[in-house]
Amino acid sequence: MRRTSALWALLFLSLFASACDSGDADPTESELFGIWGNLDAGQWRVFEFSESSTEYPELVGRTPVYTVSLYADGASRTVVQRGIYAVKFGRLVTTVLFDTTAANIGRDFGNDISEVSAGSFKLQSTSSATGSRVFERLSAFP
């Protein structure tokens, strides 16, 4: 009798855990390593995620790191933000260490990240007309 009760309890817990699972596993930080771009209305938004950086003083000794570049299609790349990041509970959480808007430095931001695959991911964006942007993996900066 005790064994049957234990099996029913185990079955209930596994069903409960399945019901709570969103179905989308968070990517690891290293799965994002690389260059990801979104071209919207002639404007590139490009994330570069990496383990570390020696290129920018504020990123030295920190891990993992990111940069964000914004620029018109065909123009030179302009880095507008740098910092560290983590993926937690379906959100890309960034801590800004450099930003062209000084008020953002030291702030944390969290955006929902979903539909992550080897070639793309979807990121919540309040500045997008659709509320999100799809970033595709790139082999180099456009």
Protein backbone atom coordinates (compact mmCIF):
# COMPACT_ATOMS: atom_id res chain seq x y z
CA MET A 1 0.00 0.00 0.00
CA ARG A 2 2.79 2.43 0.91
CA ARG A 3 4.55 1.72 -2.42
CA THR A 4 1.33 2.47 -4.37
CA SER A 5 0.89 5.78 -2.55
CA ALA A 6 4.49 6.73 -3.29
CA LEU A 7 3.99 5.92 -6.99
CA TRP A 8 0.82 8.04 -7.13
CA ALA A 9 2.63 10.92 -5.43
CA LEU A 10 5.51 10.64 -7.90
CA LEU A 11 3.08 10.57 -10.83
CA PHE A 12 1.26 13.65 -9.49
CA LEU A 13 4.52 15.56 -9.03
CA SER A 14 5.73 14.72 -12.54
CA LEU A 15 2.39 15.80 -14.05
CA PHE A 16 2.47 19.02 -12.00
CA ALA A 17 6.02 19.77 -13.12
CA SER A 18 5.05 19.16 -16.77
CA ALA A 19 2.08 21.50 -16.47
CA CYS A 20 4.31 24.24 -15.05
CA ASP A 21 6.96 23.87 -17.76
CA SER A 22 6.65 26.51 -20.50
CA GLY A 23 8.11 24.08 -23.03
CA ASP A 24 10.94 26.48 -23.90
CA ALA A 25 14.18 25.82 -22.08
CA ASP A 26 16.28 28.91 -21.42
CA PRO A 27 19.39 29.02 -23.57
CA THR A 28 22.68 29.02 -21.73
CA GLU A 29 24.74 32.18 -21.94
CA SER A 30 27.30 30.36 -24.12
CA GLU A 31 24.60 29.30 -26.61
CA LEU A 32 24.19 33.00 -27.40
CA PHE A 33 27.92 33.55 -28.08
CA GLY A 34 28.27 35.13 -31.52
CA ILE A 35 26.74 37.93 -33.58
CA TRP A 36 22.96 38.34 -33.86
CA GLY A 37 21.31 40.99 -36.00
CA ASN A 38 17.92 42.48 -36.72
CA LEU A 39 17.35 44.76 -39.73
CA ASP A 40 14.26 46.91 -39.27
CA ALA A 41 13.35 49.85 -41.53
CA GLY A 42 16.96 50.16 -42.76
CA GLN A 43 18.42 50.16 -39.22
CA TRP A 44 20.63 47.35 -37.90
CA ARG A 45 20.46 46.35 -34.24
CA VAL A 46 23.28 43.91 -33.58
CA PHE A 47 24.15 42.01 -30.41
CA GLU A 48 27.56 40.45 -29.96
CA PHE A 49 27.72 37.99 -27.07
CA SER A 50 31.03 36.52 -25.93
CA GLU A 51 32.71 34.92 -22.95
CA SER A 52 34.98 37.91 -22.33
CA SER A 53 36.53 40.97 -23.97
CA THR A 54 39.85 42.76 -23.80
CA GLU A 55 38.74 45.36 -26.35
CA TYR A 56 36.79 47.55 -23.92
CA PRO A 57 38.19 48.46 -20.46
CA GLU A 58 34.83 48.17 -18.66
CA LEU A 59 34.46 44.55 -19.83
CA VAL A 60 37.93 43.29 -18.87
CA GLY A 61 37.69 40.59 -16.20
CA ARG A 62 33.92 40.23 -16.59
CA THR A 63 32.02 37.32 -18.05
CA PRO A 64 29.90 36.81 -20.12
CA VAL A 65 29.77 40.12 -21.98
CA TYR A 66 27.74 41.76 -24.72
CA THR A 67 27.82 44.77 -27.01
CA VAL A 68 24.94 46.39 -28.88
CA SER A 69 25.50 48.28 -32.11
CA LEU A 70 22.99 50.47 -33.97
CA TYR A 71 23.59 51.75 -37.47
CA ALA A 72 21.94 52.35 -40.81
CA ASP A 73 22.25 49.61 -43.40
CA GLY A 74 25.50 50.23 -45.30
CA ALA A 75 26.92 52.61 -42.65
CA SER A 76 29.78 52.01 -40.21
CA ARG A 77 29.00 50.09 -37.04
CA THR A 78 28.44 52.21 -33.93
CA VAL A 79 28.59 50.54 -30.52
CA VAL A 80 25.94 52.11 -28.29
CA GLN A 81 25.99 49.79 -25.27
CA ARG A 82 28.23 47.24 -23.52
CA GLY A 83 27.85 45.18 -20.39
CA ILE A 84 27.38 41.75 -18.85
CA TYR A 85 24.40 39.45 -19.23
CA ALA A 86 22.63 36.33 -18.00
CA VAL A 87 19.61 34.34 -19.10
CA LYS A 88 17.20 33.79 -16.21
CA PHE A 89 13.63 32.50 -16.19
CA GLY A 90 13.01 33.24 -19.88
CA ARG A 91 14.57 36.70 -19.77
CA LEU A 92 17.78 38.15 -21.16
CA VAL A 93 19.05 40.19 -18.22
CA THR A 94 21.69 42.82 -19.00
CA THR A 95 23.71 45.06 -16.72
CA VAL A 96 24.85 48.15 -18.59
CA LEU A 97 28.50 49.15 -18.08
CA PHE A 98 28.73 51.59 -21.01
CA ASP A 99 25.95 53.37 -22.86
CA THR A 100 25.76 56.42 -25.10
CA THR A 101 22.93 57.48 -22.77
CA ALA A 102 24.83 57.95 -19.50
CA ALA A 103 21.64 57.53 -17.45
CA ASN A 104 21.55 53.82 -18.39
CA ILE A 105 25.00 53.01 -16.97
CA GLY A 106 24.70 50.72 -13.96
CA ARG A 107 21.08 49.82 -14.73
CA ASP A 108 19.75 46.30 -15.20
CA PHE A 109 17.29 45.47 -17.95
CA GLY A 110 15.33 42.28 -18.57
CA ASN A 111 13.64 41.39 -21.84
CA ASP A 112 11.69 38.22 -22.57
CA ILE A 113 13.68 35.91 -24.85
CA SER A 114 11.88 33.14 -26.71
CA GLU A 115 11.88 30.95 -29.79
CA VAL A 116 15.62 30.40 -29.38
CA SER A 117 17.26 28.16 -31.96
CA ALA A 118 20.73 27.79 -33.43
CA GLY A 119 19.83 30.44 -36.03
CA SER A 120 17.56 32.97 -34.32
CA PHE A 121 15.79 34.20 -31.21
CA LYS A 122 12.91 36.54 -30.44
CA LEU A 123 13.43 39.38 -27.98
CA GLN A 124 10.75 41.56 -26.38
CA SER A 125 11.20 45.18 -27.47
CA THR A 126 9.15 48.16 -26.34
CA SER A 127 10.56 50.25 -29.21
CA SER A 128 9.30 47.83 -31.87
CA ALA A 129 5.87 48.34 -33.41
CA THR A 130 5.19 44.61 -32.94
CA GLY A 131 6.51 44.44 -29.37
CA SER A 132 9.39 42.13 -30.29
CA ARG A 133 12.30 41.69 -32.70
CA VAL A 134 13.70 38.53 -34.23
CA PHE A 135 17.50 38.41 -34.21
CA GLU A 136 19.23 36.08 -36.65
CA ARG A 137 22.69 34.61 -36.19
CA LEU A 138 25.25 36.30 -38.47
CA SER A 139 28.72 35.14 -39.47
CA ALA A 140 30.05 38.74 -39.42
CA PHE A 141 28.86 42.28 -38.81
CA PRO A 142 26.69 43.49 -41.70
